[in-house]
Amino acid sequence: MIFRKIHNKLERMASKKGITALFLLSHTVLLLMMLFTFPRINAKFGTQAFDLKTFGYSQSEATMMLRHLDQPTIDLYLFPQLFLLDILYPILLALFLSTLIIRLSNLIKVNQNHVFSSLFILPFIAMFIDYFENIMISLMITNPINVSSEVIKTASLFTLMKGGFTTLSWLVILILLGIWLINKRNNNKHTANTV
């Protein structure tokens, strides 16, 4: 019931213009992170920031990274990175991916009662995991000397899960796009044969 209400609201945004606007907004925020905040954070760590380590990180790796932090880098990581840009980006990306999934599902006429009609939720799962990851990273970097192994393991797990659900969302989009292209090609062949 609640998924249907969310779906209906998102479906209104799933026009070509809406999807394009969400793509541009989400990727503008991503560009800001990649050009301004992450290069400075990565330079201080001597490696990629925690958020960018798609396959997670070990306790020893995290501990080594935390040793390189200074207060200006912590401040930059907290704001604007974690608590502005990385609040905006996950929701904008989730809206973009979910509206794209809905549009493609509608184009291939996925039955709204079918389990596949709920796949638009996947990007929002990734979004919430990203927010939990941000909280765990903030706990690590604000207490780098006394950070517990549980916090590091949980943060790393959230990083892995975020990447997994985001990848799954893109795979769904590629599959739906593939089905749509095959259907379109078959319809064009059928139309050409009947003329």
C-alpha atoms as a PDB file:
ATOM      1  CA  MET A   1       0.000   0.000   0.000  1.00  0.00           C
ATOM      2  CA  ILE A   2       2.689   2.503   1.036  1.00  0.00           C
ATOM      3  CA  PHE A   3       4.913   1.364  -1.862  1.00  0.00           C
ATOM      4  CA  ARG A   4       2.041   2.043  -4.251  1.00  0.00           C
ATOM      5  CA  LYS A   5       1.665   5.612  -2.916  1.00  0.00           C
ATOM      6  CA  ILE A   6       5.410   6.229  -3.237  1.00  0.00           C
ATOM      7  CA  HIS A   7       5.372   4.679  -6.713  1.00  0.00           C
ATOM      8  CA  ASN A   8       2.517   6.937  -7.817  1.00  0.00           C
ATOM      9  CA  LYS A   9       4.296  10.081  -6.575  1.00  0.00           C
ATOM     10  CA  LEU A  10       7.538   9.062  -8.286  1.00  0.00           C
ATOM     11  CA  GLU A  11       5.706   8.128 -11.465  1.00  0.00           C
ATOM     12  CA  ARG A  12       4.662  11.772 -11.812  1.00  0.00           C
ATOM     13  CA  MET A  13       8.368  12.700 -11.810  1.00  0.00           C
ATOM     14  CA  ALA A  14       9.294   9.962 -14.319  1.00  0.00           C
ATOM     15  CA  SER A  15       8.947  12.119 -17.431  1.00  0.00           C
ATOM     16  CA  LYS A  16      11.924  12.658 -19.730  1.00  0.00           C
ATOM     17  CA  LYS A  17      12.330  16.186 -18.326  1.00  0.00           C
ATOM     18  CA  GLY A  18      12.031  14.996 -14.722  1.00  0.00           C
ATOM     19  CA  ILE A  19      14.567  12.210 -15.158  1.00  0.00           C
ATOM     20  CA  THR A  20      16.968  14.533 -16.997  1.00  0.00           C
ATOM     21  CA  ALA A  21      16.664  17.171 -14.249  1.00  0.00           C
ATOM     22  CA  LEU A  22      17.320  14.562 -11.536  1.00  0.00           C
ATOM     23  CA  PHE A  23      20.314  13.248 -13.474  1.00  0.00           C
ATOM     24  CA  LEU A  24      21.772  16.746 -13.809  1.00  0.00           C
ATOM     25  CA  LEU A  25      21.136  17.651 -10.160  1.00  0.00           C
ATOM     26  CA  SER A  26      22.553  14.414  -8.732  1.00  0.00           C
ATOM     27  CA  HIS A  27      25.599  14.445 -10.957  1.00  0.00           C
ATOM     28  CA  THR A  28      26.289  18.134 -10.284  1.00  0.00           C
ATOM     29  CA  VAL A  29      26.529  17.289  -6.579  1.00  0.00           C
ATOM     30  CA  LEU A  30      28.727  14.285  -7.418  1.00  0.00           C
ATOM     31  CA  LEU A  31      30.959  16.528  -9.528  1.00  0.00           C
ATOM     32  CA  LEU A  32      31.312  18.998  -6.636  1.00  0.00           C
ATOM     33  CA  MET A  33      32.404  16.154  -4.346  1.00  0.00           C
ATOM     34  CA  MET A  34      34.839  14.708  -6.881  1.00  0.00           C
ATOM     35  CA  LEU A  35      36.394  18.068  -7.760  1.00  0.00           C
ATOM     36  CA  PHE A  36      36.481  19.848  -4.401  1.00  0.00           C
ATOM     37  CA  THR A  37      36.010  17.805  -1.230  1.00  0.00           C
ATOM     38  CA  PHE A  38      37.237  14.300  -2.038  1.00  0.00           C
ATOM     39  CA  PRO A  39      40.586  15.348  -3.578  1.00  0.00           C
ATOM     40  CA  ARG A  40      41.500  17.219  -0.371  1.00  0.00           C
ATOM     41  CA  ILE A  41      40.275  14.404   1.881  1.00  0.00           C
ATOM     42  CA  ASN A  42      41.981  11.721  -0.232  1.00  0.00           C
ATOM     43  CA  ALA A  43      45.248  13.689  -0.220  1.00  0.00           C
ATOM     44  CA  LYS A  44      45.258  13.757   3.577  1.00  0.00           C
ATOM     45  CA  PHE A  45      44.435  10.040   3.861  1.00  0.00           C
ATOM     46  CA  GLY A  46      46.964   9.098   1.191  1.00  0.00           C
ATOM     47  CA  THR A  47      44.227   6.876  -0.271  1.00  0.00           C
ATOM     48  CA  GLN A  48      40.537   7.083  -1.111  1.00  0.00           C
ATOM     49  CA  ALA A  49      38.131   8.368   1.537  1.00  0.00           C
ATOM     50  CA  PHE A  50      36.064   5.783   3.409  1.00  0.00           C
ATOM     51  CA  ASP A  51      32.957   6.490   1.277  1.00  0.00           C
ATOM     52  CA  LEU A  52      34.837   5.692  -1.935  1.00  0.00           C
ATOM     53  CA  LYS A  53      36.189   2.300  -0.845  1.00  0.00           C
ATOM     54  CA  THR A  54      33.593   0.214  -2.671  1.00  0.00           C
ATOM     55  CA  PHE A  55      34.861  -3.066  -1.241  1.00  0.00           C
ATOM     56  CA  GLY A  56      35.100  -1.789   2.315  1.00  0.00           C
ATOM     57  CA  TYR A  57      38.200  -1.597   4.461  1.00  0.00           C
ATOM     58  CA  SER A  58      39.863  -3.520   7.258  1.00  0.00           C
ATOM     59  CA  GLN A  59      40.302  -2.298  10.804  1.00  0.00           C
ATOM     60  CA  SER A  60      44.044  -1.861  10.296  1.00  0.00           C
ATOM     61  CA  GLU A  61      43.487   0.107   7.073  1.00  0.00           C
ATOM     62  CA  ALA A  62      40.919   2.366   8.768  1.00  0.00           C
ATOM     63  CA  THR A  63      43.181   2.898  11.779  1.00  0.00           C
ATOM     64  CA  MET A  64      46.083   3.856   9.506  1.00  0.00           C
ATOM     65  CA  MET A  65      43.861   6.284   7.584  1.00  0.00           C
ATOM     66  CA  LEU A  66      42.568   7.873  10.789  1.00  0.00           C
ATOM     67  CA  ARG A  67      46.141   8.547  11.962  1.00  0.00           C
ATOM     68  CA  HIS A  68      46.633  10.913   9.016  1.00  0.00           C
ATOM     69  CA  LEU A  69      43.680  13.132   9.893  1.00  0.00           C
ATOM     70  CA  ASP A  70      44.050  16.682  11.121  1.00  0.00           C
ATOM     71  CA  GLN A  71      41.313  19.010  12.369  1.00  0.00           C
ATOM     72  CA  PRO A  72      40.835  20.949   9.092  1.00  0.00           C
ATOM     73  CA  THR A  73      40.342  17.651   7.206  1.00  0.00           C
ATOM     74  CA  ILE A  74      37.919  16.377   9.848  1.00  0.00           C
ATOM     75  CA  ASP A  75      35.973  19.633   9.588  1.00  0.00           C
ATOM     76  CA  LEU A  76      35.894  19.420   5.773  1.00  0.00           C
ATOM     77  CA  TYR A  77      34.850  15.762   5.878  1.00  0.00           C
ATOM     78  CA  LEU A  78      32.014  16.528   8.303  1.00  0.00           C
ATOM     79  CA  PHE A  79      30.861  19.656   6.491  1.00  0.00           C
ATOM     80  CA  PRO A  80      30.289  20.097   3.632  1.00  0.00           C
ATOM     81  CA  GLN A  81      31.142  16.506   2.616  1.00  0.00           C
ATOM     82  CA  LEU A  82      29.135  14.219   4.943  1.00  0.00           C
ATOM     83  CA  PHE A  83      26.427  16.532   6.196  1.00  0.00           C
ATOM     84  CA  LEU A  84      25.622  18.560   3.108  1.00  0.00           C
ATOM     85  CA  LEU A  85      26.832  17.054  -0.161  1.00  0.00           C
ATOM     86  CA  ASP A  86      26.464  13.437   0.968  1.00  0.00           C
ATOM     87  CA  ILE A  87      22.977  14.181   2.267  1.00  0.00           C
ATOM     88  CA  LEU A  88      21.896  15.701  -1.064  1.00  0.00           C
ATOM     89  CA  TYR A  89      23.586  13.225  -3.401  1.00  0.00           C
ATOM     90  CA  PRO A  90      22.014   9.969  -2.113  1.00  0.00           C
ATOM     91  CA  ILE A  91      18.459  11.298  -2.258  1.00  0.00           C
ATOM     92  CA  LEU A  92      18.942  12.898  -5.676  1.00  0.00           C
ATOM     93  CA  LEU A  93      20.548   9.706  -6.996  1.00  0.00           C
ATOM     94  CA  ALA A  94      17.765   7.574  -5.484  1.00  0.00           C
ATOM     95  CA  LEU A  95      15.130   9.779  -7.105  1.00  0.00           C
ATOM     96  CA  PHE A  96      16.943   9.629 -10.456  1.00  0.00           C
ATOM     97  CA  LEU A  97      17.442   5.848 -10.424  1.00  0.00           C
ATOM     98  CA  SER A  98      13.955   5.044  -9.114  1.00  0.00           C
ATOM     99  CA  THR A  99      12.179   7.281 -11.635  1.00  0.00           C
ATOM    100  CA  LEU A 100      14.265   5.717 -14.406  1.00  0.00           C
ATOM    101  CA  ILE A 101      13.303   2.224 -13.178  1.00  0.00           C
ATOM    102  CA  ILE A 102       9.633   3.261 -13.083  1.00  0.00           C
ATOM    103  CA  ARG A 103       9.752   4.776 -16.575  1.00  0.00           C
ATOM    104  CA  LEU A 104      11.443   1.716 -18.077  1.00  0.00           C
ATOM    105  CA  SER A 105       9.048  -0.610 -16.217  1.00  0.00           C
ATOM    106  CA  ASN A 106       6.116   1.322 -17.673  1.00  0.00           C
ATOM    107  CA  LEU A 107       7.616   1.200 -21.173  1.00  0.00           C
ATOM    108  CA  ILE A 108       7.858  -2.600 -21.052  1.00  0.00           C
ATOM    109  CA  LYS A 109       4.473  -2.805 -19.298  1.00  0.00           C
ATOM    110  CA  VAL A 110       5.514  -4.536 -16.065  1.00  0.00           C
ATOM    111  CA  ASN A 111       2.357  -5.582 -14.224  1.00  0.00           C
ATOM    112  CA  GLN A 112       1.935  -3.335 -11.172  1.00  0.00           C
ATOM    113  CA  ASN A 113       1.051  -6.373  -9.039  1.00  0.00           C
ATOM    114  CA  HIS A 114       4.235  -8.198 -10.044  1.00  0.00           C
ATOM    115  CA  VAL A 115       7.181  -8.284  -7.625  1.00  0.00           C
ATOM    116  CA  PHE A 116       9.318  -6.534 -10.271  1.00  0.00           C
ATOM    117  CA  SER A 117       7.134  -3.445  -9.974  1.00  0.00           C
ATOM    118  CA  SER A 118       8.695  -2.850  -6.533  1.00  0.00           C
ATOM    119  CA  LEU A 119      12.287  -2.697  -7.803  1.00  0.00           C
ATOM    120  CA  PHE A 120      12.115   1.109  -7.746  1.00  0.00           C
ATOM    121  CA  ILE A 121      12.687   0.819  -3.962  1.00  0.00           C
ATOM    122  CA  LEU A 122      16.277  -0.476  -4.399  1.00  0.00           C
ATOM    123  CA  PRO A 123      17.852   2.995  -4.840  1.00  0.00           C
ATOM    124  CA  PHE A 124      16.134   4.177  -1.653  1.00  0.00           C
ATOM    125  CA  ILE A 125      17.584   1.240   0.276  1.00  0.00           C
ATOM    126  CA  ALA A 126      21.022   2.340  -0.987  1.00  0.00           C
ATOM    127  CA  MET A 127      20.200   5.920   0.089  1.00  0.00           C
ATOM    128  CA  PHE A 128      19.338   4.950   3.672  1.00  0.00           C
ATOM    129  CA  ILE A 129      22.433   2.748   3.892  1.00  0.00           C
ATOM    130  CA  ASP A 130      24.504   5.714   2.665  1.00  0.00           C
ATOM    131  CA  TYR A 131      23.075   7.862   5.468  1.00  0.00           C
ATOM    132  CA  PHE A 132      23.937   5.190   8.052  1.00  0.00           C
ATOM    133  CA  GLU A 133      27.420   4.991   6.533  1.00  0.00           C
ATOM    134  CA  ASN A 134      27.779   8.777   6.969  1.00  0.00           C
ATOM    135  CA  ILE A 135      26.883   8.489  10.654  1.00  0.00           C
ATOM    136  CA  MET A 136      29.433   5.719  11.194  1.00  0.00           C
ATOM    137  CA  ILE A 137      32.163   7.623   9.327  1.00  0.00           C
ATOM    138  CA  SER A 138      31.435  10.716  11.414  1.00  0.00           C
ATOM    139  CA  LEU A 139      31.829   8.602  14.571  1.00  0.00           C
ATOM    140  CA  MET A 140      35.189   7.335  13.304  1.00  0.00           C
ATOM    141  CA  ILE A 141      36.653  10.674  12.284  1.00  0.00           C
ATOM    142  CA  THR A 142      35.476  12.613  15.354  1.00  0.00           C
ATOM    143  CA  ASN A 143      37.088  10.079  17.685  1.00  0.00           C
ATOM    144  CA  PRO A 144      39.958   8.686  15.603  1.00  0.00           C
ATOM    145  CA  ILE A 145      42.140   7.593  18.515  1.00  0.00           C
ATOM    146  CA  ASN A 146      39.515   5.655  20.473  1.00  0.00           C
ATOM    147  CA  VAL A 147      37.327   4.363  17.644  1.00  0.00           C
ATOM    148  CA  SER A 148      36.092   0.834  18.345  1.00  0.00           C
ATOM    149  CA  SER A 149      36.512  -2.096  15.986  1.00  0.00           C
ATOM    150  CA  GLU A 150      32.697  -2.478  15.941  1.00  0.00           C
ATOM    151  CA  VAL A 151      32.268   1.050  14.556  1.00  0.00           C
ATOM    152  CA  ILE A 152      34.896   0.400  11.861  1.00  0.00           C
ATOM    153  CA  LYS A 153      33.354  -2.962  10.902  1.00  0.00           C
ATOM    154  CA  THR A 154      29.857  -1.468  10.785  1.00  0.00           C
ATOM    155  CA  ALA A 155      30.995   1.506   8.697  1.00  0.00           C
ATOM    156  CA  SER A 156      32.787  -0.822   6.275  1.00  0.00           C
ATOM    157  CA  LEU A 157      29.714  -3.061   6.049  1.00  0.00           C
ATOM    158  CA  PHE A 158      27.519  -0.054   5.227  1.00  0.00           C
ATOM    159  CA  THR A 159      30.013   0.987   2.533  1.00  0.00           C
ATOM    160  CA  LEU A 160      29.843  -2.498   0.999  1.00  0.00           C
ATOM    161  CA  MET A 161      26.040  -2.617   1.195  1.00  0.00           C
ATOM    162  CA  LYS A 162      25.682   0.868  -0.315  1.00  0.00           C
ATOM    163  CA  GLY A 163      27.799  -0.190  -3.277  1.00  0.00           C
ATOM    164  CA  GLY A 164      25.888  -3.453  -3.611  1.00  0.00           C
ATOM    165  CA  PHE A 165      22.429  -1.885  -3.668  1.00  0.00           C
ATOM    166  CA  THR A 166      23.548   0.905  -6.001  1.00  0.00           C
ATOM    167  CA  THR A 167      25.065  -1.650  -8.384  1.00  0.00           C
ATOM    168  CA  LEU A 168      21.897  -3.737  -8.175  1.00  0.00           C
ATOM    169  CA  SER A 169      19.835  -0.655  -9.067  1.00  0.00           C
ATOM    170  CA  TRP A 170      21.987  -0.015 -12.145  1.00  0.00           C
ATOM    171  CA  LEU A 171      21.745  -3.701 -13.146  1.00  0.00           C
ATOM    172  CA  VAL A 172      17.945  -3.504 -12.944  1.00  0.00           C
ATOM    173  CA  ILE A 173      18.055  -0.419 -15.183  1.00  0.00           C
ATOM    174  CA  LEU A 174      20.317  -2.170 -17.708  1.00  0.00           C
ATOM    175  CA  ILE A 175      18.067  -5.251 -17.770  1.00  0.00           C
ATOM    176  CA  LEU A 176      14.912  -3.151 -18.190  1.00  0.00           C
ATOM    177  CA  LEU A 177      16.622  -1.090 -20.898  1.00  0.00           C
ATOM    178  CA  GLY A 178      17.711  -4.292 -22.663  1.00  0.00           C
ATOM    179  CA  ILE A 179      14.165  -5.689 -22.562  1.00  0.00           C
ATOM    180  CA  TRP A 180      12.773  -2.395 -23.875  1.00  0.00           C
ATOM    181  CA  LEU A 181      15.293  -2.297 -26.751  1.00  0.00           C
ATOM    182  CA  ILE A 182      14.551  -5.927 -27.690  1.00  0.00           C
ATOM    183  CA  ASN A 183      10.800  -5.261 -27.592  1.00  0.00           C
ATOM    184  CA  LYS A 184      11.246  -2.116 -29.683  1.00  0.00           C
ATOM    185  CA  ARG A 185      13.338  -3.966 -32.270  1.00  0.00           C
ATOM    186  CA  ASN A 186      10.825  -6.828 -32.428  1.00  0.00           C
ATOM    187  CA  ASN A 187       7.947  -4.362 -32.833  1.00  0.00           C
ATOM    188  CA  ASN A 188       9.810  -2.579 -35.649  1.00  0.00           C
ATOM    189  CA  LYS A 189      10.414  -5.924 -37.414  1.00  0.00           C
ATOM    190  CA  HIS A 190       6.755  -6.878 -36.975  1.00  0.00           C
ATOM    191  CA  THR A 191       5.634  -3.501 -38.370  1.00  0.00           C
ATOM    192  CA  ALA A 192       8.009  -3.819 -41.343  1.00  0.00           C
ATOM    193  CA  ASN A 193       6.714  -7.340 -42.107  1.00  0.00           C
ATOM    194  CA  THR A 194       3.067  -6.258 -42.087  1.00  0.00           C
ATOM    195  CA  VAL A 195       3.595  -3.313 -44.445  1.00  0.00           C
END
